[in-house]
Amino acid sequence: MKSTVAQQLVKYLEARGVRHVFGLCGHTNIAVLAALSKSRKIRFVNTRHEQIAAHMADGYARASKGTSVLLSHLSPGLTNAATGVANAALDSIPMVVIAGDVPTHYYGKHPHQEVNLHADASQYEIYRPFVKRAWRVDSAALFPEILEKAFALAESGRPGPVLVDVPMDIFSQEIDTALFDRLRANTKRIARPSLDRETAVEIVKKLAAARRPVIYAGGGVLLADASDELRELAEHLGIPVAHTLMGKGALPDDHPLTLGMTGFWGTRFINEQTRNADWILGLGTRFSEADCSSWEPEYTFSFPPSRLIHIDIDPTEIGRNFPVEIGAVADLKRALATLVEVAREVVPKGIQRPKVVKEIAAARAAFVAGNRKHATSDAFPMRPERILADVRAALPRDALITTDVGWNKNGVGQQFPILTPGTIYTPGGFATMGFGAPAALGAKVAQPDRVVVALVGDGGFGQNPAMLATACEEGIAVVWVIMNNYAYGTIAGLEKAHYGTTFGTVFEKDGKPWSPDYAAIAKAYGIDGVQVKSAAGFRTALERAIKSGKPCVIDVAMQNEPVPTAGHWNIMDIYSPGRKVHHVATGAVAAD
């Protein structure tokens, strides 16, 4: 029996459990769209820009804890999506990108939209620096095998995106269905490595004997769905837990052993705990620059004298930035389960560190008290701390939060309590402006019964407002809170601090702060829009939007105040050697 590659692709995705495909049409992929139109199991989510589709697929994968599928057209479609796919790559998000390409019989002739200035039929190589693998399908008969490999690779080891580039004539070719049928016997779930008992015993003994141990949780803990196991280990051995930006929420922020985020946007207390630790257990972290204060030993980490145990699914990360005394390649859920089991045997009564718990509680209370004035301020434009405080008060404990970059990411990482593990989605490694708003749509598609709020800046929201069309068409009830400081605020604060100007970083017209009316734009797209006029009116507007069950944009003017930075970032030394200057406020924005 024969049918087209496009038809069998859709049946394969159905059998694999794929329920949504995100993308945008083009003449190279309409055979797939036609096949999708007949599917009763898969919904195609149509977007107005490929970057929107890629970020939606990213948010969907994070919220569903599965692999997302992105459908793209060739060349400009593929390059439009590249930013979103690269963001997923640097945050280890599994994604299968299926892209159309020029017909095979036109290779080298430079047909419509082909990229071939250096090699023929080479558009797929555009993705080579950031996907785990890029395939070009040169034979229809090989497509089933490549597709199977693509999903396996995206999900195995350190997860990430892959690209399957398909010439449009291959989508329309008929092949024997037996080529796909034979894949049914192949497992769709590959067992992941655990931690051997001997190493687990060594690690537990080191931590139990340590005087000032710290667990350092990265985003890998959340990707492995290992928060419960992390909590059990921390509680049994009484070890405080610090985290990276991407590891936020690995242990709830109100847990008595949670220290908080380290590095440039960490607090002095947290950075001192990690810098003065005698043993650190690093879990699923790259020890990246901002989290580690540019790796300078006087701020966040000092190896030696601190000694490091590092467990990660990716062997290339172990020892990359700091010397490691014990390194192990393992799936964190399985590794932590083994460590918990061994800890209960080696230290049956557990370890209590009441002094540490008391210190954490005192530092947390002091931080909240020091922030209270701003978090309760009635000033308008609003203080960013008040916006975050009102959002947290209005949301259920398990609401899903997406951020963008700037104050909304850095401030949330430092000051916004995440109370349920795995409920915050942030652009980490690539730090993509424009991620948060469309990623929230993907998260809501994956978790339709959860409240989903995007905390984004006006710079980020303005990147791709066309996503509102998809929200309206699909009825995706996300609430976008635009923390509007009329600027690329973080960069404006940097430029002002170091060079005395905000040139090219603020939004002005005729020398005055200016912003589009985002509430009106939302209404033009057919969804609710609210422009907040006072600090007192913000929470009421947010609660009303959540209760409505409809998509809604809330535009709130915000003062451009810097996030407190107790750590260090070496770019400051590049801008202003020896001055120890970070960011400054850039003045009030317009209030109406």
Foldseek 3Di string as FASTA:
>chain_A
DKAALLLLVVVLCVVVPAAEEEEEDDPLCVLNVVNVVPDPRHDYQYFDWLCLRLLLQQLLCLQQLAEYEYEFEFAVRCVRNLLSQLLQQQLLGQYEYEYEDAAPVCWPVPPPRDDQPPHTPCRQCVNVVRFPEEAEDPDLLCVLVVVLVQLVQCPPQRHGYYYYYYYSVRRRDMDDCVSNVVCVVPDNDDDWFADDLVLLLVVLVVLLPWPQEEEEEELLCSSLVQLVLVVLLCVQAVHAYEYALNRAQSPFPPDLRYQAAAAFLADQVQQVSALPGQEYEYEADLCDCRSCQNVDSVTHHDPPVRAYEYEGLDPVSQCPRHDHPHYYHTRVNRHSVSSSVSNCVVPVRGDHDVVSSVVSVVVVVVVCVVCVCLLPDFDPLHAVNVVLNLVLVLFDLQAAEEEADDCRSSVCRHPHTNGHHSRYHYSPPSRHQQSQPSSQLSSCVNVVPHAYEYEYELRSCVPCVSVLLSCQVVQRQYEYEYAYAQWSQQVQQQCCFQPVGSPPTGHDDPPARDDPQVQVVSVVSPFGEEEDQTSVCVSVVVNVSRVVSGHYYYYRYYFRAHNDTSGHHCVSCVRPNPPPIHGGTDDGHDRD
